[in-house]
Full PDB file with SEQRES, HELIX, SHEET, SSBOND, CRYST1, ORIGX, SCALE, CONECT and MASTER records, all heavy atoms in Angstrom:
SEQRES   1 A   33  ASP LEU ARG LEU ARG ALA LEU ILE ALA PHE ARG ASP SER          
SEQRES   2 A   33  GLU GLY ARG ASP PRO TYR PHE ARG ALA SER THR PRO GLY          
SEQRES   3 A   33  GLU HIS ARG LEU ALA VAL TRP                                  
HELIX    1 AA1 LEU A    2  GLU A   14  1                                  13    
HELIX    2 AA2 PRO A   25  VAL A   32  1                                   8    
CRYST1    1.000    1.000    1.000  90.00  90.00  90.00 P 1           1          
ORIGX1      1.000000  0.000000  0.000000        0.00000                         
ORIGX2      0.000000  1.000000  0.000000        0.00000                         
ORIGX3      0.000000  0.000000  1.000000        0.00000                         
SCALE1      1.000000  0.000000  0.000000        0.00000                         
SCALE2      0.000000  1.000000  0.000000        0.00000                         
SCALE3      0.000000  0.000000  1.000000        0.00000                         
ATOM      1  N   ASP A   1      84.269  61.865-146.262  1.00  0.00           N  
ATOM      2  CA  ASP A   1      84.975  62.130-147.517  1.00  0.00           C  
ATOM      3  C   ASP A   1      86.452  61.727-147.424  1.00  0.00           C  
ATOM      4  O   ASP A   1      87.018  61.194-148.377  1.00  0.00           O  
ATOM      5  CB  ASP A   1      84.856  63.606-147.895  1.00  0.00           C  
ATOM      6  CG  ASP A   1      83.442  63.992-148.299  1.00  0.00           C  
ATOM      7  OD1 ASP A   1      82.796  63.214-149.035  1.00  0.00           O  
ATOM      8  OD2 ASP A   1      82.973  65.061-147.863  1.00  0.00           O  
ATOM      9  N   LEU A   2      87.068  62.011-146.285  1.00  0.00           N  
ATOM     10  CA  LEU A   2      88.471  61.629-146.104  1.00  0.00           C  
ATOM     11  C   LEU A   2      88.642  60.115-146.148  1.00  0.00           C  
ATOM     12  O   LEU A   2      89.589  59.599-146.741  1.00  0.00           O  
ATOM     13  CB  LEU A   2      89.008  62.185-144.788  1.00  0.00           C  
ATOM     14  CG  LEU A   2      89.147  63.714-144.725  1.00  0.00           C  
ATOM     15  CD1 LEU A   2      89.529  64.148-143.327  1.00  0.00           C  
ATOM     16  CD2 LEU A   2      90.152  64.205-145.753  1.00  0.00           C  
ATOM     17  N   ARG A   3      87.713  59.396-145.525  1.00  0.00           N  
ATOM     18  CA  ARG A   3      87.781  57.928-145.538  1.00  0.00           C  
ATOM     19  C   ARG A   3      87.583  57.409-146.963  1.00  0.00           C  
ATOM     20  O   ARG A   3      88.278  56.477-147.387  1.00  0.00           O  
ATOM     21  CB  ARG A   3      86.712  57.361-144.595  1.00  0.00           C  
ATOM     22  CG  ARG A   3      86.819  55.903-144.284  1.00  0.00           C  
ATOM     23  CD  ARG A   3      88.080  55.520-143.556  1.00  0.00           C  
ATOM     24  NE  ARG A   3      88.230  56.181-142.295  1.00  0.00           N  
ATOM     25  CZ  ARG A   3      88.137  55.617-141.113  1.00  0.00           C  
ATOM     26  NH1 ARG A   3      87.883  54.337-141.020  1.00  0.00           N  
ATOM     27  NH2 ARG A   3      88.313  56.301-140.015  1.00  0.00           N  
ATOM     28  N   LEU A   4      86.660  58.014-147.703  1.00  0.00           N  
ATOM     29  CA  LEU A   4      86.450  57.602-149.093  1.00  0.00           C  
ATOM     30  C   LEU A   4      87.714  57.835-149.917  1.00  0.00           C  
ATOM     31  O   LEU A   4      88.118  56.976-150.697  1.00  0.00           O  
ATOM     32  CB  LEU A   4      85.260  58.351-149.703  1.00  0.00           C  
ATOM     33  CG  LEU A   4      84.979  58.050-151.180  1.00  0.00           C  
ATOM     34  CD1 LEU A   4      84.647  56.578-151.387  1.00  0.00           C  
ATOM     35  CD2 LEU A   4      83.842  58.926-151.686  1.00  0.00           C  
ATOM     36  N   ARG A   5      88.343  58.992-149.744  1.00  0.00           N  
ATOM     37  CA  ARG A   5      89.584  59.276-150.476  1.00  0.00           C  
ATOM     38  C   ARG A   5      90.671  58.265-150.129  1.00  0.00           C  
ATOM     39  O   ARG A   5      91.416  57.813-151.001  1.00  0.00           O  
ATOM     40  CB  ARG A   5      90.082  60.685-150.164  1.00  0.00           C  
ATOM     41  CG  ARG A   5      89.295  61.751-150.852  1.00  0.00           C  
ATOM     42  CD  ARG A   5      89.959  63.090-150.642  1.00  0.00           C  
ATOM     43  NE  ARG A   5      88.956  64.143-150.786  1.00  0.00           N  
ATOM     44  CZ  ARG A   5      89.063  65.337-150.265  1.00  0.00           C  
ATOM     45  NH1 ARG A   5      90.124  65.665-149.553  1.00  0.00           N  
ATOM     46  NH2 ARG A   5      88.129  66.229-150.450  1.00  0.00           N  
ATOM     47  N   ALA A   6      90.785  57.918-148.860  1.00  0.00           N  
ATOM     48  CA  ALA A   6      91.774  56.926-148.434  1.00  0.00           C  
ATOM     49  C   ALA A   6      91.481  55.573-149.068  1.00  0.00           C  
ATOM     50  O   ALA A   6      92.402  54.866-149.502  1.00  0.00           O  
ATOM     51  CB  ALA A   6      91.790  56.817-146.913  1.00  0.00           C  
ATOM     52  N   LEU A   7      90.223  55.207-149.137  1.00  0.00           N  
ATOM     53  CA  LEU A   7      89.835  53.938-149.734  1.00  0.00           C  
ATOM     54  C   LEU A   7      90.140  53.925-151.233  1.00  0.00           C  
ATOM     55  O   LEU A   7      90.669  52.948-151.768  1.00  0.00           O  
ATOM     56  CB  LEU A   7      88.349  53.667-149.492  1.00  0.00           C  
ATOM     57  CG  LEU A   7      87.800  52.343-149.970  1.00  0.00           C  
ATOM     58  CD1 LEU A   7      88.571  51.173-149.376  1.00  0.00           C  
ATOM     59  CD2 LEU A   7      86.344  52.224-149.603  1.00  0.00           C  
ATOM     60  N   ILE A   8      89.830  55.013-151.920  1.00  0.00           N  
ATOM     61  CA  ILE A   8      90.128  55.103-153.354  1.00  0.00           C  
ATOM     62  C   ILE A   8      91.631  55.031-153.586  1.00  0.00           C  
ATOM     63  O   ILE A   8      92.096  54.335-154.503  1.00  0.00           O  
ATOM     64  CB  ILE A   8      89.516  56.390-153.946  1.00  0.00           C  
ATOM     65  CG1 ILE A   8      87.985  56.289-153.948  1.00  0.00           C  
ATOM     66  CG2 ILE A   8      90.031  56.638-155.366  1.00  0.00           C  
ATOM     67  CD1 ILE A   8      87.273  57.587-154.269  1.00  0.00           C  
ATOM     68  N   ALA A   9      92.407  55.740-152.760  1.00  0.00           N  
ATOM     69  CA  ALA A   9      93.862  55.693-152.892  1.00  0.00           C  
ATOM     70  C   ALA A   9      94.383  54.278-152.659  1.00  0.00           C  
ATOM     71  O   ALA A   9      95.285  53.799-153.374  1.00  0.00           O  
ATOM     72  CB  ALA A   9      94.504  56.665-151.903  1.00  0.00           C  
ATOM     73  N   PHE A  10      93.809  53.581-151.678  1.00  0.00           N  
ATOM     74  CA  PHE A  10      94.211  52.200-151.411  1.00  0.00           C  
ATOM     75  C   PHE A  10      93.919  51.325-152.627  1.00  0.00           C  
ATOM     76  O   PHE A  10      94.773  50.556-153.063  1.00  0.00           O  
ATOM     77  CB  PHE A  10      93.482  51.654-150.176  1.00  0.00           C  
ATOM     78  CG  PHE A  10      93.825  50.226-149.888  1.00  0.00           C  
ATOM     79  CD1 PHE A  10      94.920  49.911-149.113  1.00  0.00           C  
ATOM     80  CD2 PHE A  10      93.060  49.190-150.414  1.00  0.00           C  
ATOM     81  CE1 PHE A  10      95.260  48.594-148.857  1.00  0.00           C  
ATOM     82  CE2 PHE A  10      93.389  47.873-150.174  1.00  0.00           C  
ATOM     83  CZ  PHE A  10      94.490  47.571-149.391  1.00  0.00           C  
ATOM     84  N   ARG A  11      92.729  51.452-153.185  1.00  0.00           N  
ATOM     85  CA  ARG A  11      92.357  50.624-154.344  1.00  0.00           C  
ATOM     86  C   ARG A  11      93.235  50.934-155.539  1.00  0.00           C  
ATOM     87  O   ARG A  11      93.602  50.048-156.298  1.00  0.00           O  
ATOM     88  CB  ARG A  11      90.888  50.827-154.706  1.00  0.00           C  
ATOM     89  CG  ARG A  11      89.964  50.162-153.698  1.00  0.00           C  
ATOM     90  CD  ARG A  11      88.539  50.287-154.092  1.00  0.00           C  
ATOM     91  NE  ARG A  11      88.245  49.334-155.153  1.00  0.00           N  
ATOM     92  CZ  ARG A  11      87.248  49.463-156.007  1.00  0.00           C  
ATOM     93  NH1 ARG A  11      86.447  50.495-155.938  1.00  0.00           N  
ATOM     94  NH2 ARG A  11      87.021  48.560-156.924  1.00  0.00           N  
ATOM     95  N   ASP A  12      93.573  52.224-155.723  1.00  0.00           N  
ATOM     96  CA  ASP A  12      94.437  52.594-156.841  1.00  0.00           C  
ATOM     97  C   ASP A  12      95.839  52.007-156.688  1.00  0.00           C  
ATOM     98  O   ASP A  12      96.426  51.548-157.664  1.00  0.00           O  
ATOM     99  CB  ASP A  12      94.526  54.123-156.964  1.00  0.00           C  
ATOM    100  CG  ASP A  12      93.230  54.743-157.475  1.00  0.00           C  
ATOM    101  OD1 ASP A  12      92.368  54.003-157.994  1.00  0.00           O  
ATOM    102  OD2 ASP A  12      93.081  55.981-157.347  1.00  0.00           O  
ATOM    103  N   SER A  13      96.361  52.031-155.469  1.00  0.00           N  
ATOM    104  CA  SER A  13      97.726  51.535-155.265  1.00  0.00           C  
ATOM    105  C   SER A  13      97.794  50.008-155.192  1.00  0.00           C  
ATOM    106  O   SER A  13      98.744  49.408-155.681  1.00  0.00           O  
ATOM    107  CB  SER A  13      98.338  52.148-154.004  1.00  0.00           C  
ATOM    108  OG  SER A  13      97.681  51.673-152.853  1.00  0.00           O  
ATOM    109  N   GLU A  14      96.783  49.371-154.585  1.00  0.00           N  
ATOM    110  CA  GLU A  14      96.816  47.921-154.387  1.00  0.00           C  
ATOM    111  C   GLU A  14      96.062  47.139-155.467  1.00  0.00           C  
ATOM    112  O   GLU A  14      96.268  45.938-155.619  1.00  0.00           O  
ATOM    113  CB  GLU A  14      96.240  47.554-153.013  1.00  0.00           C  
ATOM    114  CG  GLU A  14      97.005  48.138-151.845  1.00  0.00           C  
ATOM    115  CD  GLU A  14      98.391  47.551-151.700  1.00  0.00           C  
ATOM    116  OE1 GLU A  14      98.549  46.338-151.939  1.00  0.00           O  
ATOM    117  OE2 GLU A  14      99.309  48.301-151.355  1.00  0.00           O  
ATOM    118  N   GLY A  15      95.137  47.796-156.146  1.00  0.00           N  
ATOM    119  CA  GLY A  15      94.357  47.124-157.177  1.00  0.00           C  
ATOM    120  C   GLY A  15      93.295  46.188-156.634  1.00  0.00           C  
ATOM    121  O   GLY A  15      92.855  45.267-157.327  1.00  0.00           O  
ATOM    122  N   ARG A  16      92.877  46.391-155.403  1.00  0.00           N  
ATOM    123  CA  ARG A  16      91.878  45.519-154.778  1.00  0.00           C  
ATOM    124  C   ARG A  16      91.218  46.257-153.619  1.00  0.00           C  
ATOM    125  O   ARG A  16      91.694  47.294-153.175  1.00  0.00           O  
ATOM    126  CB  ARG A  16      92.519  44.235-154.257  1.00  0.00           C  
ATOM    127  CG  ARG A  16      93.583  44.503-153.200  1.00  0.00           C  
ATOM    128  CD  ARG A  16      94.152  43.215-152.622  1.00  0.00           C  
ATOM    129  NE  ARG A  16      95.264  43.463-151.746  1.00  0.00           N  
ATOM    130  CZ  ARG A  16      95.167  43.858-150.471  1.00  0.00           C  
ATOM    131  NH1 ARG A  16      93.982  44.024-149.923  1.00  0.00           N  
ATOM    132  NH2 ARG A  16      96.246  44.057-149.737  1.00  0.00           N  
ATOM    133  N   ASP A  17      90.113  45.674-153.121  1.00  0.00           N  
ATOM    134  CA  ASP A  17      89.479  46.205-151.925  1.00  0.00           C  
ATOM    135  C   ASP A  17      90.291  45.772-150.710  1.00  0.00           C  
ATOM    136  O   ASP A  17      90.981  44.750-150.741  1.00  0.00           O  
ATOM    137  CB  ASP A  17      88.050  45.657-151.778  1.00  0.00           C  
ATOM    138  CG  ASP A  17      87.065  46.326-152.727  1.00  0.00           C  
ATOM    139  OD1 ASP A  17      87.403  47.368-153.312  1.00  0.00           O  
ATOM    140  OD2 ASP A  17      85.948  45.789-152.865  1.00  0.00           O  
ATOM    141  N   PRO A  18      90.209  46.514-149.618  1.00  0.00           N  
ATOM    142  CA  PRO A  18      90.937  46.119-148.405  1.00  0.00           C  
ATOM    143  C   PRO A  18      90.348  44.849-147.790  1.00  0.00           C  
ATOM    144  O   PRO A  18      89.164  44.569-147.918  1.00  0.00           O  
ATOM    145  CB  PRO A  18      90.758  47.321-147.478  1.00  0.00           C  
ATOM    146  CG  PRO A  18      89.571  48.043-147.988  1.00  0.00           C  
ATOM    147  CD  PRO A  18      89.485  47.767-149.452  1.00  0.00           C  
ATOM    148  N   TYR A  19      91.219  44.081-147.123  1.00  0.00           N  
ATOM    149  CA  TYR A  19      90.814  42.837-146.472  1.00  0.00           C  
ATOM    150  C   TYR A  19      90.528  43.069-144.992  1.00  0.00           C  
ATOM    151  O   TYR A  19      91.203  43.851-144.332  1.00  0.00           O  
ATOM    152  CB  TYR A  19      91.918  41.774-146.562  1.00  0.00           C  
ATOM    153  CG  TYR A  19      92.243  41.315-147.947  1.00  0.00           C  
ATOM    154  CD1 TYR A  19      93.557  41.275-148.382  1.00  0.00           C  
ATOM    155  CD2 TYR A  19      91.247  40.906-148.818  1.00  0.00           C  
ATOM    156  CE1 TYR A  19      93.869  40.832-149.662  1.00  0.00           C  
ATOM    157  CE2 TYR A  19      91.551  40.473-150.102  1.00  0.00           C  
ATOM    158  CZ  TYR A  19      92.860  40.437-150.517  1.00  0.00           C  
ATOM    159  OH  TYR A  19      93.166  40.015-151.770  1.00  0.00           O  
ATOM    160  N   PHE A  20      89.543  42.335-144.470  1.00  0.00           N  
ATOM    161  CA  PHE A  20      89.251  42.388-143.036  1.00  0.00           C  
ATOM    162  C   PHE A  20      90.406  41.844-142.211  1.00  0.00           C  
ATOM    163  O   PHE A  20      90.703  42.331-141.142  1.00  0.00           O  
ATOM    164  CB  PHE A  20      87.994  41.570-142.700  1.00  0.00           C  
ATOM    165  CG  PHE A  20      86.730  42.309-142.963  1.00  0.00           C  
ATOM    166  CD1 PHE A  20      85.996  42.072-144.106  1.00  0.00           C  
ATOM    167  CD2 PHE A  20      86.265  43.249-142.075  1.00  0.00           C  
ATOM    168  CE1 PHE A  20      84.831  42.749-144.346  1.00  0.00           C  
ATOM    169  CE2 PHE A  20      85.095  43.941-142.301  1.00  0.00           C  
ATOM    170  CZ  PHE A  20      84.376  43.687-143.447  1.00  0.00           C  
ATOM    171  N   ARG A  21      91.030  40.810-142.699  1.00  0.00           N  
ATOM    172  CA  ARG A  21      92.091  40.139-141.941  1.00  0.00           C  
ATOM    173  C   ARG A  21      93.478  40.638-142.323  1.00  0.00           C  
ATOM    174  O   ARG A  21      94.456  39.897-142.252  1.00  0.00           O  
ATOM    175  CB  ARG A  21      92.002  38.640-142.153  1.00  0.00           C  
ATOM    176  CG  ARG A  21      90.725  38.091-141.587  1.00  0.00           C  
ATOM    177  CD  ARG A  21      90.673  36.623-141.706  1.00  0.00           C  
ATOM    178  NE  ARG A  21      89.433  36.168-141.090  1.00  0.00           N  
ATOM    179  CZ  ARG A  21      88.942  34.988-141.228  1.00  0.00           C  
ATOM    180  NH1 ARG A  21      89.571  34.098-141.954  1.00  0.00           N  
ATOM    181  NH2 ARG A  21      87.819  34.657-140.641  1.00  0.00           N  
ATOM    182  N   ALA A  22      93.545  41.889-142.722  1.00  0.00           N  
ATOM    183  CA  ALA A  22      94.822  42.469-143.118  1.00  0.00           C  
ATOM    184  C   ALA A  22      95.745  42.601-141.921  1.00  0.00           C  
ATOM    185  O   ALA A  22      95.305  42.772-140.787  1.00  0.00           O  
ATOM    186  CB  ALA A  22      94.598  43.840-143.738  1.00  0.00           C  
ATOM    187  N   SER A  23      97.022  42.526-142.190  1.00  0.00           N  
ATOM    188  CA  SER A  23      97.998  42.665-141.103  1.00  0.00           C  
ATOM    189  C   SER A  23      98.191  44.123-140.703  1.00  0.00           C  
ATOM    190  O   SER A  23      98.656  44.406-139.606  1.00  0.00           O  
ATOM    191  CB  SER A  23      99.332  42.053-141.517  1.00  0.00           C  
ATOM    192  OG  SER A  23      99.810  42.695-142.687  1.00  0.00           O  
ATOM    193  N   THR A  24      97.837  45.040-141.573  1.00  0.00           N  
ATOM    194  CA  THR A  24      97.977  46.461-141.233  1.00  0.00           C  
ATOM    195  C   THR A  24      96.649  46.996-140.713  1.00  0.00           C  
ATOM    196  O   THR A  24      95.600  46.767-141.317  1.00  0.00           O  
ATOM    197  CB  THR A  24      98.417  47.288-142.461  1.00  0.00           C  
ATOM    198  OG1 THR A  24      97.458  47.113-143.494  1.00  0.00           O  
ATOM    199  CG2 THR A  24      99.776  46.841-142.967  1.00  0.00           C  
ATOM    200  N   PRO A  25      96.684  47.709-139.597  1.00  0.00           N  
ATOM    201  CA  PRO A  25      95.445  48.230-139.010  1.00  0.00           C  
ATOM    202  C   PRO A  25      94.692  49.180-139.947  1.00  0.00           C  
ATOM    203  O   PRO A  25      93.474  49.186-139.974  1.00  0.00           O  
ATOM    204  CB  PRO A  25      95.908  48.963-137.753  1.00  0.00           C  
ATOM    205  CG  PRO A  25      97.269  48.447-137.467  1.00  0.00           C  
ATOM    206  CD  PRO A  25      97.847  48.005-138.771  1.00  0.00           C  
ATOM    207  N   GLY A  26      95.416  49.976-140.712  1.00  0.00           N  
ATOM    208  CA  GLY A  26      94.756  50.919-141.619  1.00  0.00           C  
ATOM    209  C   GLY A  26      93.904  50.212-142.665  1.00  0.00           C  
ATOM    210  O   GLY A  26      92.788  50.631-142.959  1.00  0.00           O  
ATOM    211  N   GLU A  27      94.440  49.133-143.219  1.00  0.00           N  
ATOM    212  CA  GLU A  27      93.682  48.378-144.213  1.00  0.00           C  
ATOM    213  C   GLU A  27      92.450  47.743-143.582  1.00  0.00           C  
ATOM    214  O   GLU A  27      91.367  47.763-144.162  1.00  0.00           O  
ATOM    215  CB  GLU A  27      94.561  47.304-144.852  1.00  0.00           C  
ATOM    216  CG  GLU A  27      93.841  46.524-145.941  1.00  0.00           C  
ATOM    217  CD  GLU A  27      94.714  45.487-146.626  1.00  0.00           C  
ATOM    218  OE1 GLU A  27      95.936  45.455-146.381  1.00  0.00           O  
ATOM    219  OE2 GLU A  27      94.150  44.708-147.418  1.00  0.00           O  
ATOM    220  N   HIS A  28      92.600  47.213-142.385  1.00  0.00           N  
ATOM    221  CA  HIS A  28      91.463  46.616-141.688  1.00  0.00           C  
ATOM    222  C   HIS A  28      90.371  47.662-141.446  1.00  0.00           C  
ATOM    223  O   HIS A  28      89.190  47.400-141.673  1.00  0.00           O  
ATOM    224  CB  HIS A  28      91.908  45.996-140.359  1.00  0.00           C  
ATOM    225  CG  HIS A  28      90.769  45.514-139.526  1.00  0.00           C  
ATOM    226  ND1 HIS A  28      90.076  44.361-139.824  1.00  0.00           N  
ATOM    227  CD2 HIS A  28      90.162  46.051-138.439  1.00  0.00           C  
ATOM    228  CE1 HIS A  28      89.111  44.200-138.938  1.00  0.00           C  
ATOM    229  NE2 HIS A  28      89.138  45.217-138.090  1.00  0.00           N  
ATOM    230  N   ARG A  29      90.763  48.855-140.993  1.00  0.00           N  
ATOM    231  CA  ARG A  29      89.774  49.916-140.749  1.00  0.00           C  
ATOM    232  C   ARG A  29      89.048  50.307-142.034  1.00  0.00           C  
ATOM    233  O   ARG A  29      87.845  50.549-142.026  1.00  0.00           O  
ATOM    234  CB  ARG A  29      90.438  51.135-140.110  1.00  0.00           C  
ATOM    235  CG  ARG A  29      90.730  50.940-138.630  1.00  0.00           C  
ATOM    236  CD  ARG A  29      91.141  52.237-137.948  1.00  0.00           C  
ATOM    237  NE  ARG A  29      92.358  52.820-138.482  1.00  0.00           N  
ATOM    238  CZ  ARG A  29      93.589  52.510-138.066  1.00  0.00           C  
ATOM    239  NH1 ARG A  29      93.756  51.633-137.105  1.00  0.00           N  
ATOM    240  NH2 ARG A  29      94.644  53.100-138.595  1.00  0.00           N  
ATOM    241  N   LEU A  30      89.773  50.362-143.149  1.00  0.00           N  
ATOM    242  CA  LEU A  30      89.129  50.679-144.434  1.00  0.00           C  
ATOM    243  C   LEU A  30      88.137  49.588-144.828  1.00  0.00           C  
ATOM    244  O   LEU A  30      87.051  49.876-145.343  1.00  0.00           O  
ATOM    245  CB  LEU A  30      90.178  50.873-145.534  1.00  0.00           C  
ATOM    246  CG  LEU A  30      90.983  52.148-145.487  1.00  0.00           C  
ATOM    247  CD1 LEU A  30      92.061  52.127-146.566  1.00  0.00           C  
ATOM    248  CD2 LEU A  30      90.085  53.371-145.657  1.00  0.00           C  
ATOM    249  N   ALA A  31      88.500  48.328-144.590  1.00  0.00           N  
ATOM    250  CA  ALA A  31      87.603  47.212-144.916  1.00  0.00           C  
ATOM    251  C   ALA A  31      86.331  47.292-144.086  1.00  0.00           C  
ATOM    252  O   ALA A  31      85.222  47.090-144.603  1.00  0.00           O  
ATOM    253  CB  ALA A  31      88.312  45.880-144.682  1.00  0.00           C  
ATOM    254  N   VAL A  32      86.472  47.602-142.805  1.00  0.00           N  
ATOM    255  CA  VAL A  32      85.305  47.723-141.928  1.00  0.00           C  
ATOM    256  C   VAL A  32      84.433  48.884-142.383  1.00  0.00           C  
ATOM    257  O   VAL A  32      83.209  48.770-142.469  1.00  0.00           O  
ATOM    258  CB  VAL A  32      85.748  47.897-140.454  1.00  0.00           C  
ATOM    259  CG1 VAL A  32      84.577  48.284-139.566  1.00  0.00           C  
ATOM    260  CG2 VAL A  32      86.398  46.618-139.954  1.00  0.00           C  
ATOM    261  N   TRP A  33      85.054  50.016-142.695  1.00  0.00           N  
ATOM    262  CA  TRP A  33      84.297  51.192-143.138  1.00  0.00           C  
ATOM    263  C   TRP A  33      83.519  50.903-144.428  1.00  0.00           C  
ATOM    264  O   TRP A  33      82.343  51.224-144.542  1.00  0.00           O  
ATOM    265  CB  TRP A  33      85.237  52.379-143.340  1.00  0.00           C  
ATOM    266  CG  TRP A  33      84.524  53.646-143.696  1.00  0.00           C  
ATOM    267  CD1 TRP A  33      83.928  54.508-142.834  1.00  0.00           C  
ATOM    268  CD2 TRP A  33      84.304  54.170-145.003  1.00  0.00           C  
ATOM    269  NE1 TRP A  33      83.359  55.553-143.530  1.00  0.00           N  
ATOM    270  CE2 TRP A  33      83.576  55.373-144.871  1.00  0.00           C  
ATOM    271  CE3 TRP A  33      84.670  53.754-146.282  1.00  0.00           C  
ATOM    272  CZ2 TRP A  33      83.197  56.149-145.946  1.00  0.00           C  
ATOM    273  CZ3 TRP A  33      84.288  54.527-147.367  1.00  0.00           C  
ATOM    274  CH2 TRP A  33      83.558  55.701-147.195  1.00  0.00           C  
TER     275      TRP A  33                                                      
MASTER        0    0    0    2    0    0    0    6  274    1    0    3          
END                                                                             
């Protein structure tokens, strides 16, 4: 549930799904999840 909330917050703030090749580790982990 925490990972889902983080993913929703990311999509709300960025307006997109996270990228695998993101420069930030958090975004990469969300993309993998």
